[in-house]
C-alpha atoms as a PDB file:
ATOM      1  CA  MET A   1      53.347  34.927 -20.391  1.00  0.00           C
ATOM      2  CA  LYS A   2      49.980  33.518 -21.426  1.00  0.00           C
ATOM      3  CA  ARG A   3      48.464  30.307 -20.131  1.00  0.00           C
ATOM      4  CA  GLY A   4      46.937  28.179 -22.861  1.00  0.00           C
ATOM      5  CA  SER A   5      49.860  28.463 -25.221  1.00  0.00           C
ATOM      6  CA  LEU A   6      50.120  26.178 -28.232  1.00  0.00           C
ATOM      7  CA  VAL A   7      52.166  23.698 -26.228  1.00  0.00           C
ATOM      8  CA  ASP A   8      49.431  23.480 -23.572  1.00  0.00           C
ATOM      9  CA  ILE A   9      46.673  23.157 -26.151  1.00  0.00           C
ATOM     10  CA  LEU A  10      48.420  20.471 -28.195  1.00  0.00           C
ATOM     11  CA  SER A  11      49.766  18.456 -25.281  1.00  0.00           C
ATOM     12  CA  ARG A  12      46.402  17.591 -23.723  1.00  0.00           C
ATOM     13  CA  ARG A  13      43.224  15.919 -24.884  1.00  0.00           C
ATOM     14  CA  ASP A  14      39.814  15.765 -23.302  1.00  0.00           C
ATOM     15  CA  PRO A  15      38.544  12.426 -21.895  1.00  0.00           C
ATOM     16  CA  HIS A  16      37.060  11.523 -25.296  1.00  0.00           C
ATOM     17  CA  GLY A  17      40.365  11.981 -27.139  1.00  0.00           C
ATOM     18  CA  TYR A  18      39.683  15.395 -28.691  1.00  0.00           C
ATOM     19  CA  TYR A  19      42.069  18.323 -28.758  1.00  0.00           C
ATOM     20  CA  VAL A  20      40.205  21.373 -27.464  1.00  0.00           C
ATOM     21  CA  ILE A  21      41.103  24.796 -28.844  1.00  0.00           C
ATOM     22  CA  PRO A  22      39.504  27.826 -27.152  1.00  0.00           C
ATOM     23  CA  LEU A  23      38.915  30.700 -29.574  1.00  0.00           C
ATOM     24  CA  LYS A  24      37.370  34.122 -29.351  1.00  0.00           C
ATOM     25  CA  ALA A  25      33.926  34.216 -30.996  1.00  0.00           C
ATOM     26  CA  GLU A  26      35.389  35.911 -34.091  1.00  0.00           C
ATOM     27  CA  GLY A  27      37.500  32.793 -34.714  1.00  0.00           C
ATOM     28  CA  ARG A  28      34.559  30.701 -35.915  1.00  0.00           C
ATOM     29  CA  GLU A  29      34.906  31.872 -39.531  1.00  0.00           C
ATOM     30  CA  LEU A  30      38.624  31.056 -39.539  1.00  0.00           C
ATOM     31  CA  VAL A  31      37.970  27.516 -38.276  1.00  0.00           C
ATOM     32  CA  GLU A  32      35.222  26.898 -40.815  1.00  0.00           C
ATOM     33  CA  LYS A  33      37.496  28.093 -43.629  1.00  0.00           C
ATOM     34  CA  ILE A  34      40.413  25.862 -42.556  1.00  0.00           C
ATOM     35  CA  LEU A  35      38.157  22.837 -42.088  1.00  0.00           C
ATOM     36  CA  SER A  36      36.504  23.257 -45.493  1.00  0.00           C
ATOM     37  CA  GLN A  37      39.873  23.632 -47.249  1.00  0.00           C
ATOM     38  CA  HIS A  38      41.077  20.334 -45.796  1.00  0.00           C
ATOM     39  CA  GLY A  39      37.783  18.427 -45.854  1.00  0.00           C
ATOM     40  CA  GLU A  40      37.931  17.891 -42.088  1.00  0.00           C
ATOM     41  CA  GLN A  41      35.204  17.964 -39.487  1.00  0.00           C
ATOM     42  CA  ALA A  42      35.270  19.248 -35.941  1.00  0.00           C
ATOM     43  CA  LYS A  43      32.762  19.832 -33.183  1.00  0.00           C
ATOM     44  CA  LEU A  44      32.196  23.493 -32.365  1.00  0.00           C
ATOM     45  CA  VAL A  45      30.807  24.362 -28.947  1.00  0.00           C
ATOM     46  CA  GLU A  46      29.727  27.986 -28.733  1.00  0.00           C
ATOM     47  CA  SER A  47      29.033  30.268 -25.828  1.00  0.00           C
ATOM     48  CA  LYS A  48      28.599  34.012 -25.646  1.00  0.00           C
ATOM     49  CA  ASP A  49      32.221  35.000 -26.231  1.00  0.00           C
ATOM     50  CA  VAL A  50      34.143  31.736 -26.739  1.00  0.00           C
ATOM     51  CA  VAL A  51      34.095  28.962 -29.328  1.00  0.00           C
ATOM     52  CA  LEU A  52      35.596  25.623 -28.334  1.00  0.00           C
ATOM     53  CA  VAL A  53      36.877  23.612 -31.261  1.00  0.00           C
ATOM     54  CA  ARG A  54      37.018  19.877 -30.534  1.00  0.00           C
ATOM     55  CA  ILE A  55      38.990  17.891 -33.098  1.00  0.00           C
ATOM     56  CA  LYS A  56      40.633  14.452 -33.164  1.00  0.00           C
ATOM     57  CA  SER A  57      43.435  15.194 -35.649  1.00  0.00           C
ATOM     58  CA  ARG A  58      46.560  16.600 -34.025  1.00  0.00           C
ATOM     59  CA  SER A  59      47.816  18.083 -37.297  1.00  0.00           C
ATOM     60  CA  MET A  60      44.524  19.915 -37.878  1.00  0.00           C
ATOM     61  CA  ALA A  61      44.463  21.070 -34.260  1.00  0.00           C
ATOM     62  CA  GLU A  62      47.943  22.487 -34.763  1.00  0.00           C
ATOM     63  CA  LYS A  63      46.959  24.260 -38.009  1.00  0.00           C
ATOM     64  CA  ILE A  64      43.902  25.817 -36.394  1.00  0.00           C
ATOM     65  CA  ALA A  65      45.750  26.840 -33.224  1.00  0.00           C
ATOM     66  CA  ARG A  66      48.681  28.371 -35.117  1.00  0.00           C
ATOM     67  CA  ALA A  67      46.398  30.302 -37.481  1.00  0.00           C
ATOM     68  CA  ALA A  68      44.339  31.558 -34.535  1.00  0.00           C
ATOM     69  CA  GLU A  69      47.456  32.565 -32.621  1.00  0.00           C
ATOM     70  CA  ARG A  70      48.767  34.570 -35.597  1.00  0.00           C
ATOM     71  CA  ARG A  71      45.456  36.445 -35.733  1.00  0.00           C
ATOM     72  CA  ASN A  72      45.251  36.860 -31.941  1.00  0.00           C
ATOM     73  CA  LEU A  73      42.071  34.769 -31.794  1.00  0.00           C
ATOM     74  CA  LEU A  74      43.063  32.277 -29.092  1.00  0.00           C
ATOM     75  CA  ALA A  75      40.943  32.747 -25.978  1.00  0.00           C
ATOM     76  CA  VAL A  76      43.537  32.518 -23.226  1.00  0.00           C
ATOM     77  CA  GLU A  77      43.731  33.920 -19.737  1.00  0.00           C
ATOM     78  CA  GLU A  78      46.493  36.319 -18.852  1.00  0.00           C
ATOM     79  CA  ASP A  79      48.645  35.380 -15.875  1.00  0.00           C
ATOM     80  CA  GLU A  80      48.190  37.822 -13.039  1.00  0.00           C
ATOM     81  CA  GLU A  81      51.319  39.540 -11.844  1.00  0.00           C
ATOM     82  CA  VAL A  82      51.834  39.468  -8.105  1.00  0.00           C
END
């Protein structure tokens, strides 16, 4: 089971009220495409291998997260088996 599932992502906001979606670096193009199609804006925070999408709209957060999950672009940690 993966931590950071859609339920986790969509059930919490950061202290400023944004939903935060962690994506692999390749997911940037997908986010930009979805945002431009819907005329929405989001804050993208990039690092070497992860892009954090910060967005206020829950419906847009859900669209982005679901599309990323289908393409295996969510940056989530695997649970370690003991």
